[in-house]
Each structure stands twice: as C-alpha cells, then as structure tokens.
Amino acid sequence: MPKRILTGTVVSDKGDKTVVVKVERKVKHPLYGKIIRRSKKYHAHDEDNAIKAGETVRIEETKPISKLKTWKVLDKVEASIKAKASEV
C-alpha cells in the first residue's frame, strides 16, 4: 500500500526533532455548496532539526515513532508563491 504524502506549513518547531505541520484542504459544504477550508495538524519527525516555522514542507506517512508522531518530513517545498512573486 502506498504511503500518503501531504503538503503543509510548519506552525511549530519547538520540540526536539519534531515539527507540527498544518495541512489545509478545501471541501464543498454538503448543503450550501460553498467551498470551505478544513485544516488538520500533524506531528512530523525532523531528524536534523533543519525545518523552521513558516516553511512549506512535504510529509510522508510512516510507522509510529512516538505517541503522536506517525509522519516524517520528506523535504522543503522550494516553489512558493513568495519566490514566484519576487522573480517577476
């Protein structure tokens, strides 16, 4: 079975080798049809403590590392909206 990969923004890097990643998704309201945002926070393993708050990262599902951590950081997403805006 393939491992899930999600993209989100780091909201906390306070823990040792741990970051909290907020993943947002857009869903359609079942009755009114309006597109609304839903978010969830995942604790992810960051072996080198290299990821800082505010960065966009990709995380991958893995076997449980601790009580809350079942994800690990794959890499930092470089192509952000701010980078594209600065090129123009």
PDB file of N, CA and C in Angstrom:
ATOM      1  N   MET A   1       0.830  -1.176   0.000  1.00  0.00           N
ATOM      2  CA  MET A   1       0.000   0.000   0.000  1.00  0.00           C
ATOM      3  C   MET A   1       0.881   1.248   0.000  1.00  0.00           C
ATOM      4  N   PRO A   2       0.614   2.219  -0.881  1.00  0.00           N
ATOM      5  CA  PRO A   2       1.475   3.401  -0.944  1.00  0.00           C
ATOM      6  C   PRO A   2       1.292   4.296   0.286  1.00  0.00           C
ATOM      7  N   LYS A   3       2.362   4.990   0.632  1.00  0.00           N
ATOM      8  CA  LYS A   3       2.320   5.893   1.772  1.00  0.00           C
ATOM      9  C   LYS A   3       1.741   7.232   1.327  1.00  0.00           C
ATOM     10  N   ARG A   4       0.918   7.827   2.181  1.00  0.00           N
ATOM     11  CA  ARG A   4       0.342   9.129   1.856  1.00  0.00           C
ATOM     12  C   ARG A   4       1.406  10.206   1.976  1.00  0.00           C
ATOM     13  N   ILE A   5       1.347  11.172   1.070  1.00  0.00           N
ATOM     14  CA  ILE A   5       2.240  12.324   1.099  1.00  0.00           C
ATOM     15  C   ILE A   5       1.370  13.573   1.101  1.00  0.00           C
ATOM     16  N   LEU A   6       1.591  14.454   2.080  1.00  0.00           N
ATOM     17  CA  LEU A   6       0.819  15.678   2.210  1.00  0.00           C
ATOM     18  C   LEU A   6       1.760  16.880   2.193  1.00  0.00           C
ATOM     19  N   THR A   7       1.214  18.034   1.819  1.00  0.00           N
ATOM     20  CA  THR A   7       1.978  19.275   1.805  1.00  0.00           C
ATOM     21  C   THR A   7       1.323  20.251   2.768  1.00  0.00           C
ATOM     22  N   GLY A   8       2.131  20.886   3.605  1.00  0.00           N
ATOM     23  CA  GLY A   8       1.577  21.819   4.577  1.00  0.00           C
ATOM     24  C   GLY A   8       2.611  22.811   5.069  1.00  0.00           C
ATOM     25  N   THR A   9       2.169  23.673   5.966  1.00  0.00           N
ATOM     26  CA  THR A   9       3.010  24.726   6.521  1.00  0.00           C
ATOM     27  C   THR A   9       3.381  24.389   7.959  1.00  0.00           C
ATOM     28  N   VAL A  10       4.645  24.585   8.297  1.00  0.00           N
ATOM     29  CA  VAL A  10       5.131  24.315   9.653  1.00  0.00           C
ATOM     30  C   VAL A  10       4.650  25.442  10.571  1.00  0.00           C
ATOM     31  N   VAL A  11       3.924  25.081  11.625  1.00  0.00           N
ATOM     32  CA  VAL A  11       3.425  26.076  12.574  1.00  0.00           C
ATOM     33  C   VAL A  11       4.230  26.080  13.870  1.00  0.00           C
ATOM     34  N   SER A  12       4.958  25.000  14.163  1.00  0.00           N
ATOM     35  CA  SER A  12       5.775  24.954  15.374  1.00  0.00           C
ATOM     36  C   SER A  12       6.977  24.051  15.157  1.00  0.00           C
ATOM     37  N   ASP A  13       8.128  24.509  15.666  1.00  0.00           N
ATOM     38  CA  ASP A  13       9.341  23.685  15.623  1.00  0.00           C
ATOM     39  C   ASP A  13       9.981  23.640  17.011  1.00  0.00           C
ATOM     40  N   LYS A  14       9.157  23.733  18.048  1.00  0.00           N
ATOM     41  CA  LYS A  14       9.658  23.804  19.417  1.00  0.00           C
ATOM     42  C   LYS A  14      10.202  22.476  19.933  1.00  0.00           C
ATOM     43  N   GLY A  15       9.624  21.361  19.508  1.00  0.00           N
ATOM     44  CA  GLY A  15      10.064  20.075  20.018  1.00  0.00           C
ATOM     45  C   GLY A  15      11.390  19.631  19.424  1.00  0.00           C
ATOM     46  N   ASP A  16      12.074  18.744  20.134  1.00  0.00           N
ATOM     47  CA  ASP A  16      13.334  18.207  19.636  1.00  0.00           C
ATOM     48  C   ASP A  16      13.045  17.161  18.562  1.00  0.00           C
ATOM     49  N   LYS A  17      13.543  17.393  17.351  1.00  0.00           N
ATOM     50  CA  LYS A  17      13.355  16.515  16.197  1.00  0.00           C
ATOM     51  C   LYS A  17      11.879  16.367  15.817  1.00  0.00           C
ATOM     52  N   THR A  18      11.063  17.367  16.147  1.00  0.00           N
ATOM     53  CA  THR A  18       9.640  17.317  15.848  1.00  0.00           C
ATOM     54  C   THR A  18       9.175  18.663  15.325  1.00  0.00           C
ATOM     55  N   VAL A  19       8.352  18.638  14.281  1.00  0.00           N
ATOM     56  CA  VAL A  19       7.681  19.841  13.784  1.00  0.00           C
ATOM     57  C   VAL A  19       6.190  19.550  13.699  1.00  0.00           C
ATOM     58  N   VAL A  20       5.388  20.595  13.851  1.00  0.00           N
ATOM     59  CA  VAL A  20       3.944  20.473  13.704  1.00  0.00           C
ATOM     60  C   VAL A  20       3.577  21.118  12.377  1.00  0.00           C
ATOM     61  N   VAL A  21       2.938  20.325  11.506  1.00  0.00           N
ATOM     62  CA  VAL A  21       2.619  20.778  10.154  1.00  0.00           C
ATOM     63  C   VAL A  21       1.105  20.915  10.020  1.00  0.00           C
ATOM     64  N   LYS A  22       0.653  22.077   9.561  1.00  0.00           N
ATOM     65  CA  LYS A  22      -0.768  22.326   9.345  1.00  0.00           C
ATOM     66  C   LYS A  22      -1.069  22.093   7.861  1.00  0.00           C
ATOM     67  N   VAL A  23      -1.962  21.137   7.603  1.00  0.00           N
ATOM     68  CA  VAL A  23      -2.340  20.788   6.234  1.00  0.00           C
ATOM     69  C   VAL A  23      -3.771  21.268   6.001  1.00  0.00           C
ATOM     70  N   GLU A  24      -3.947  22.100   4.983  1.00  0.00           N
ATOM     71  CA  GLU A  24      -5.276  22.621   4.665  1.00  0.00           C
ATOM     72  C   GLU A  24      -5.814  21.948   3.416  1.00  0.00           C
ATOM     73  N   ARG A  25      -7.127  21.733   3.409  1.00  0.00           N
ATOM     74  CA  ARG A  25      -7.796  21.198   2.226  1.00  0.00           C
ATOM     75  C   ARG A  25      -9.095  21.958   2.040  1.00  0.00           C
ATOM     76  N   LYS A  26      -9.579  21.980   0.826  1.00  0.00           N
ATOM     77  CA  LYS A  26     -10.821  22.676   0.522  1.00  0.00           C
ATOM     78  C   LYS A  26     -11.893  21.652   0.205  1.00  0.00           C
ATOM     79  N   VAL A  27     -13.048  21.791   0.854  1.00  0.00           N
ATOM     80  CA  VAL A  27     -14.162  20.875   0.647  1.00  0.00           C
ATOM     81  C   VAL A  27     -15.422  21.678   0.355  1.00  0.00           C
ATOM     82  N   LYS A  28     -16.338  21.042  -0.314  1.00  0.00           N
ATOM     83  CA  LYS A  28     -17.604  21.685  -0.629  1.00  0.00           C
ATOM     84  C   LYS A  28     -18.607  21.384   0.482  1.00  0.00           C
ATOM     85  N   HIS A  29     -19.293  22.407   0.962  1.00  0.00           N
ATOM     86  CA  HIS A  29     -20.290  22.220   2.013  1.00  0.00           C
ATOM     87  C   HIS A  29     -21.426  21.345   1.471  1.00  0.00           C
ATOM     88  N   PRO A  30     -21.847  20.313   2.221  1.00  0.00           N
ATOM     89  CA  PRO A  30     -22.820  19.357   1.686  1.00  0.00           C
ATOM     90  C   PRO A  30     -24.182  19.959   1.355  1.00  0.00           C
ATOM     91  N   LEU A  31     -24.608  20.985   2.084  1.00  0.00           N
ATOM     92  CA  LEU A  31     -25.926  21.568   1.842  1.00  0.00           C
ATOM     93  C   LEU A  31     -25.857  22.842   1.011  1.00  0.00           C
ATOM     94  N   TYR A  32     -24.943  23.751   1.385  1.00  0.00           N
ATOM     95  CA  TYR A  32     -24.923  25.070   0.759  1.00  0.00           C
ATOM     96  C   TYR A  32     -24.025  25.162  -0.458  1.00  0.00           C
ATOM     97  N   GLY A  33     -23.104  24.219  -0.614  1.00  0.00           N
ATOM     98  CA  GLY A  33     -22.268  24.194  -1.808  1.00  0.00           C
ATOM     99  C   GLY A  33     -21.085  25.136  -1.781  1.00  0.00           C
ATOM    100  N   LYS A  34     -20.913  25.910  -0.708  1.00  0.00           N
ATOM    101  CA  LYS A  34     -19.791  26.830  -0.625  1.00  0.00           C
ATOM    102  C   LYS A  34     -18.505  26.053  -0.356  1.00  0.00           C
ATOM    103  N   ILE A  35     -17.418  26.499  -0.951  1.00  0.00           N
ATOM    104  CA  ILE A  35     -16.112  25.882  -0.718  1.00  0.00           C
ATOM    105  C   ILE A  35     -15.565  26.434   0.594  1.00  0.00           C
ATOM    106  N   ILE A  36     -15.266  25.527   1.535  1.00  0.00           N
ATOM    107  CA  ILE A  36     -14.729  25.925   2.829  1.00  0.00           C
ATOM    108  C   ILE A  36     -13.389  25.235   3.066  1.00  0.00           C
ATOM    109  N   ARG A  37     -12.569  25.853   3.925  1.00  0.00           N
ATOM    110  CA  ARG A  37     -11.253  25.298   4.225  1.00  0.00           C
ATOM    111  C   ARG A  37     -11.307  24.492   5.509  1.00  0.00           C
ATOM    112  N   ARG A  38     -10.726  23.331   5.478  1.00  0.00           N
ATOM    113  CA  ARG A  38     -10.574  22.476   6.646  1.00  0.00           C
ATOM    114  C   ARG A  38      -9.080  22.251   6.851  1.00  0.00           C
ATOM    115  N   SER A  39      -8.644  22.243   8.104  1.00  0.00           N
ATOM    116  CA  SER A  39      -7.224  22.046   8.372  1.00  0.00           C
ATOM    117  C   SER A  39      -7.044  21.026   9.477  1.00  0.00           C
ATOM    118  N   LYS A  40      -5.876  20.425   9.478  1.00  0.00           N
ATOM    119  CA  LYS A  40      -5.514  19.448  10.485  1.00  0.00           C
ATOM    120  C   LYS A  40      -4.013  19.574  10.735  1.00  0.00           C
ATOM    121  N   LYS A  41      -3.610  19.354  11.984  1.00  0.00           N
ATOM    122  CA  LYS A  41      -2.194  19.439  12.340  1.00  0.00           C
ATOM    123  C   LYS A  41      -1.626  18.044  12.525  1.00  0.00           C
ATOM    124  N   TYR A  42      -0.434  17.840  11.983  1.00  0.00           N
ATOM    125  CA  TYR A  42       0.269  16.566  12.099  1.00  0.00           C
ATOM    126  C   TYR A  42       1.632  16.808  12.738  1.00  0.00           C
ATOM    127  N   HIS A  43       2.020  15.937  13.656  1.00  0.00           N
ATOM    128  CA  HIS A  43       3.366  15.972  14.224  1.00  0.00           C
ATOM    129  C   HIS A  43       4.256  15.127  13.323  1.00  0.00           C
ATOM    130  N   ALA A  44       5.348  15.718  12.858  1.00  0.00           N
ATOM    131  CA  ALA A  44       6.237  15.026  11.923  1.00  0.00           C
ATOM    132  C   ALA A  44       7.662  15.005  12.467  1.00  0.00           C
ATOM    133  N   HIS A  45       8.379  13.947  12.121  1.00  0.00           N
ATOM    134  CA  HIS A  45       9.757  13.746  12.570  1.00  0.00           C
ATOM    135  C   HIS A  45      10.716  14.494  11.659  1.00  0.00           C
ATOM    136  N   ASP A  46      11.565  15.335  12.250  1.00  0.00           N
ATOM    137  CA  ASP A  46      12.588  16.099  11.535  1.00  0.00           C
ATOM    138  C   ASP A  46      13.930  15.766  12.177  1.00  0.00           C
ATOM    139  N   GLU A  47      14.640  14.816  11.605  1.00  0.00           N
ATOM    140  CA  GLU A  47      15.852  14.258  12.211  1.00  0.00           C
ATOM    141  C   GLU A  47      16.919  15.310  12.485  1.00  0.00           C
ATOM    142  N   ASP A  48      17.115  16.272  11.562  1.00  0.00           N
ATOM    143  CA  ASP A  48      18.224  17.225  11.684  1.00  0.00           C
ATOM    144  C   ASP A  48      17.826  18.552  12.323  1.00  0.00           C
ATOM    145  N   ASN A  49      16.584  18.705  12.736  1.00  0.00           N
ATOM    146  CA  ASN A  49      16.082  19.995  13.230  1.00  0.00           C
ATOM    147  C   ASN A  49      16.358  21.118  12.232  1.00  0.00           C
ATOM    148  N   ALA A  50      16.233  20.818  10.939  1.00  0.00           N
ATOM    149  CA  ALA A  50      16.558  21.787   9.894  1.00  0.00           C
ATOM    150  C   ALA A  50      15.369  22.636   9.475  1.00  0.00           C
ATOM    151  N   ILE A  51      14.167  22.191   9.755  1.00  0.00           N
ATOM    152  CA  ILE A  51      12.966  22.883   9.307  1.00  0.00           C
ATOM    153  C   ILE A  51      12.550  23.910  10.354  1.00  0.00           C
ATOM    154  N   LYS A  52      12.211  25.123   9.893  1.00  0.00           N
ATOM    155  CA  LYS A  52      11.807  26.201  10.789  1.00  0.00           C
ATOM    156  C   LYS A  52      10.336  26.546  10.568  1.00  0.00           C
ATOM    157  N   ALA A  53       9.744  27.242  11.517  1.00  0.00           N
ATOM    158  CA  ALA A  53       8.333  27.638  11.435  1.00  0.00           C
ATOM    159  C   ALA A  53       8.111  28.562  10.245  1.00  0.00           C
ATOM    160  N   GLY A  54       6.992  28.361   9.551  1.00  0.00           N
ATOM    161  CA  GLY A  54       6.648  29.186   8.392  1.00  0.00           C
ATOM    162  C   GLY A  54       7.020  28.566   7.058  1.00  0.00           C
ATOM    163  N   GLU A  55       7.851  27.547   7.069  1.00  0.00           N
ATOM    164  CA  GLU A  55       8.262  26.908   5.817  1.00  0.00           C
ATOM    165  C   GLU A  55       7.204  25.915   5.346  1.00  0.00           C
ATOM    166  N   THR A  56       7.150  25.708   4.042  1.00  0.00           N
ATOM    167  CA  THR A  56       6.238  24.735   3.452  1.00  0.00           C
ATOM    168  C   THR A  56       7.009  23.445   3.215  1.00  0.00           C
ATOM    169  N   VAL A  57       6.467  22.327   3.702  1.00  0.00           N
ATOM    170  CA  VAL A  57       7.168  21.045   3.616  1.00  0.00           C
ATOM    171  C   VAL A  57       6.223  19.962   3.112  1.00  0.00           C
ATOM    172  N   ARG A  58       6.820  18.858   2.650  1.00  0.00           N
ATOM    173  CA  ARG A  58       6.073  17.653   2.299  1.00  0.00           C
ATOM    174  C   ARG A  58       6.347  16.631   3.384  1.00  0.00           C
ATOM    175  N   ILE A  59       5.286  15.957   3.851  1.00  0.00           N
ATOM    176  CA  ILE A  59       5.440  14.936   4.881  1.00  0.00           C
ATOM    177  C   ILE A  59       4.901  13.605   4.365  1.00  0.00           C
ATOM    178  N   GLU A  60       5.495  12.526   4.856  1.00  0.00           N
ATOM    179  CA  GLU A  60       5.132  11.184   4.414  1.00  0.00           C
ATOM    180  C   GLU A  60       4.715  10.348   5.617  1.00  0.00           C
ATOM    181  N   GLU A  61       3.695   9.541   5.435  1.00  0.00           N
ATOM    182  CA  GLU A  61       3.218   8.648   6.479  1.00  0.00           C
ATOM    183  C   GLU A  61       4.266   7.563   6.728  1.00  0.00           C
ATOM    184  N   THR A  62       4.444   7.194   7.992  1.00  0.00           N
ATOM    185  CA  THR A  62       5.431   6.187   8.345  1.00  0.00           C
ATOM    186  C   THR A  62       4.939   5.404   9.562  1.00  0.00           C
ATOM    187  N   LYS A  63       5.706   4.425   9.986  1.00  0.00           N
ATOM    188  CA  LYS A  63       5.327   3.677  11.187  1.00  0.00           C
ATOM    189  C   LYS A  63       5.406   4.605  12.398  1.00  0.00           C
ATOM    190  N   PRO A  64       4.681   4.308  13.460  1.00  0.00           N
ATOM    191  CA  PRO A  64       4.697   5.191  14.623  1.00  0.00           C
ATOM    192  C   PRO A  64       6.098   5.362  15.216  1.00  0.00           C
ATOM    193  N   ILE A  65       6.477   6.622  15.418  1.00  0.00           N
ATOM    194  CA  ILE A  65       7.772   6.952  16.003  1.00  0.00           C
ATOM    195  C   ILE A  65       7.597   7.222  17.496  1.00  0.00           C
ATOM    196  N   SER A  66       6.483   7.836  17.846  1.00  0.00           N
ATOM    197  CA  SER A  66       6.136   8.076  19.244  1.00  0.00           C
ATOM    198  C   SER A  66       4.620   8.114  19.345  1.00  0.00           C
ATOM    199  N   LYS A  67       4.112   8.572  20.487  1.00  0.00           N
ATOM    200  CA  LYS A  67       2.666   8.581  20.704  1.00  0.00           C
ATOM    201  C   LYS A  67       1.941   9.409  19.646  1.00  0.00           C
ATOM    202  N   LEU A  68       2.470  10.558  19.289  1.00  0.00           N
ATOM    203  CA  LEU A  68       1.813  11.454  18.333  1.00  0.00           C
ATOM    204  C   LEU A  68       2.426  11.434  16.937  1.00  0.00           C
ATOM    205  N   LYS A  69       3.694  11.048  16.836  1.00  0.00           N
ATOM    206  CA  LYS A  69       4.390  11.150  15.546  1.00  0.00           C
ATOM    207  C   LYS A  69       4.239   9.883  14.709  1.00  0.00           C
ATOM    208  N   THR A  70       3.542  10.015  13.582  1.00  0.00           N
ATOM    209  CA  THR A  70       3.464   8.924  12.601  1.00  0.00           C
ATOM    210  C   THR A  70       3.764   9.447  11.207  1.00  0.00           C
ATOM    211  N   TRP A  71       4.406  10.607  11.126  1.00  0.00           N
ATOM    212  CA  TRP A  71       4.784  11.222   9.853  1.00  0.00           C
ATOM    213  C   TRP A  71       6.243  11.631   9.932  1.00  0.00           C
ATOM    214  N   LYS A  72       6.898  11.723   8.774  1.00  0.00           N
ATOM    215  CA  LYS A  72       8.265  12.244   8.727  1.00  0.00           C
ATOM    216  C   LYS A  72       8.364  13.268   7.608  1.00  0.00           C
ATOM    217  N   VAL A  73       9.262  14.221   7.784  1.00  0.00           N
ATOM    218  CA  VAL A  73       9.457  15.283   6.799  1.00  0.00           C
ATOM    219  C   VAL A  73      10.275  14.733   5.647  1.00  0.00           C
ATOM    220  N   LEU A  74       9.735  14.876   4.424  1.00  0.00           N
ATOM    221  CA  LEU A  74      10.480  14.458   3.239  1.00  0.00           C
ATOM    222  C   LEU A  74      11.434  15.549   2.788  1.00  0.00           C
ATOM    223  N   ASP A  75      10.896  16.722   2.473  1.00  0.00           N
ATOM    224  CA  ASP A  75      11.724  17.819   2.001  1.00  0.00           C
ATOM    225  C   ASP A  75      10.978  19.134   2.117  1.00  0.00           C
ATOM    226  N   LYS A  76      11.719  20.210   1.900  1.00  0.00           N
ATOM    227  CA  LYS A  76      11.155  21.544   1.912  1.00  0.00           C
ATOM    228  C   LYS A  76      10.676  21.860   0.500  1.00  0.00           C
ATOM    229  N   VAL A  77       9.510  22.472   0.369  1.00  0.00           N
ATOM    230  CA  VAL A  77       8.986  22.850  -0.936  1.00  0.00           C
ATOM    231  C   VAL A  77       9.563  24.217  -1.281  1.00  0.00           C
ATOM    232  N   GLU A  78      10.339  24.266  -2.352  1.00  0.00           N
ATOM    233  CA  GLU A  78      11.030  25.499  -2.731  1.00  0.00           C
ATOM    234  C   GLU A  78      10.145  26.438  -3.538  1.00  0.00           C
ATOM    235  N   ALA A  79       9.285  25.880  -4.386  1.00  0.00           N
ATOM    236  CA  ALA A  79       8.473  26.703  -5.281  1.00  0.00           C
ATOM    237  C   ALA A  79       7.289  27.283  -4.515  1.00  0.00           C
ATOM    238  N   SER A  80       7.515  28.378  -3.814  1.00  0.00           N
ATOM    239  CA  SER A  80       6.446  29.009  -3.058  1.00  0.00           C
ATOM    240  C   SER A  80       5.934  30.237  -3.805  1.00  0.00           C
ATOM    241  N   ILE A  81       4.820  30.740  -3.378  1.00  0.00           N
ATOM    242  CA  ILE A  81       4.209  31.891  -4.047  1.00  0.00           C
ATOM    243  C   ILE A  81       5.094  33.115  -3.875  1.00  0.00           C
ATOM    244  N   LYS A  82       5.723  33.263  -2.704  1.00  0.00           N
ATOM    245  CA  LYS A  82       6.576  34.434  -2.467  1.00  0.00           C
ATOM    246  C   LYS A  82       7.788  34.412  -3.391  1.00  0.00           C
ATOM    247  N   ALA A  83       8.353  33.239  -3.648  1.00  0.00           N
ATOM    248  CA  ALA A  83       9.508  33.139  -4.534  1.00  0.00           C
ATOM    249  C   ALA A  83       9.125  33.508  -5.963  1.00  0.00           C
ATOM    250  N   LYS A  84       7.942  33.067  -6.405  1.00  0.00           N
ATOM    251  CA  LYS A  84       7.480  33.391  -7.748  1.00  0.00           C
ATOM    252  C   LYS A  84       7.213  34.880  -7.890  1.00  0.00           C
ATOM    253  N   ALA A  85       6.692  35.512  -6.839  1.00  0.00           N
ATOM    254  CA  ALA A  85       6.391  36.929  -6.884  1.00  0.00           C
ATOM    255  C   ALA A  85       7.679  37.771  -6.958  1.00  0.00           C
ATOM    256  N   SER A  86       8.727  37.324  -6.299  1.00  0.00           N
ATOM    257  CA  SER A  86       9.975  38.075  -6.313  1.00  0.00           C
ATOM    258  C   SER A  86      10.690  37.988  -7.661  1.00  0.00           C
ATOM    259  N   GLU A  87      10.405  36.936  -8.448  1.00  0.00           N
ATOM    260  CA  GLU A  87      11.035  36.798  -9.759  1.00  0.00           C
ATOM    261  C   GLU A  87      10.454  37.761 -10.777  1.00  0.00           C
ATOM    262  N   VAL A  88       9.211  38.134 -10.602  1.00  0.00           N
ATOM    263  CA  VAL A  88       8.527  38.992 -11.586  1.00  0.00           C
ATOM    264  C   VAL A  88       8.960  40.419 -11.473  1.00  0.00           C
TER     265      VAL A  88
END
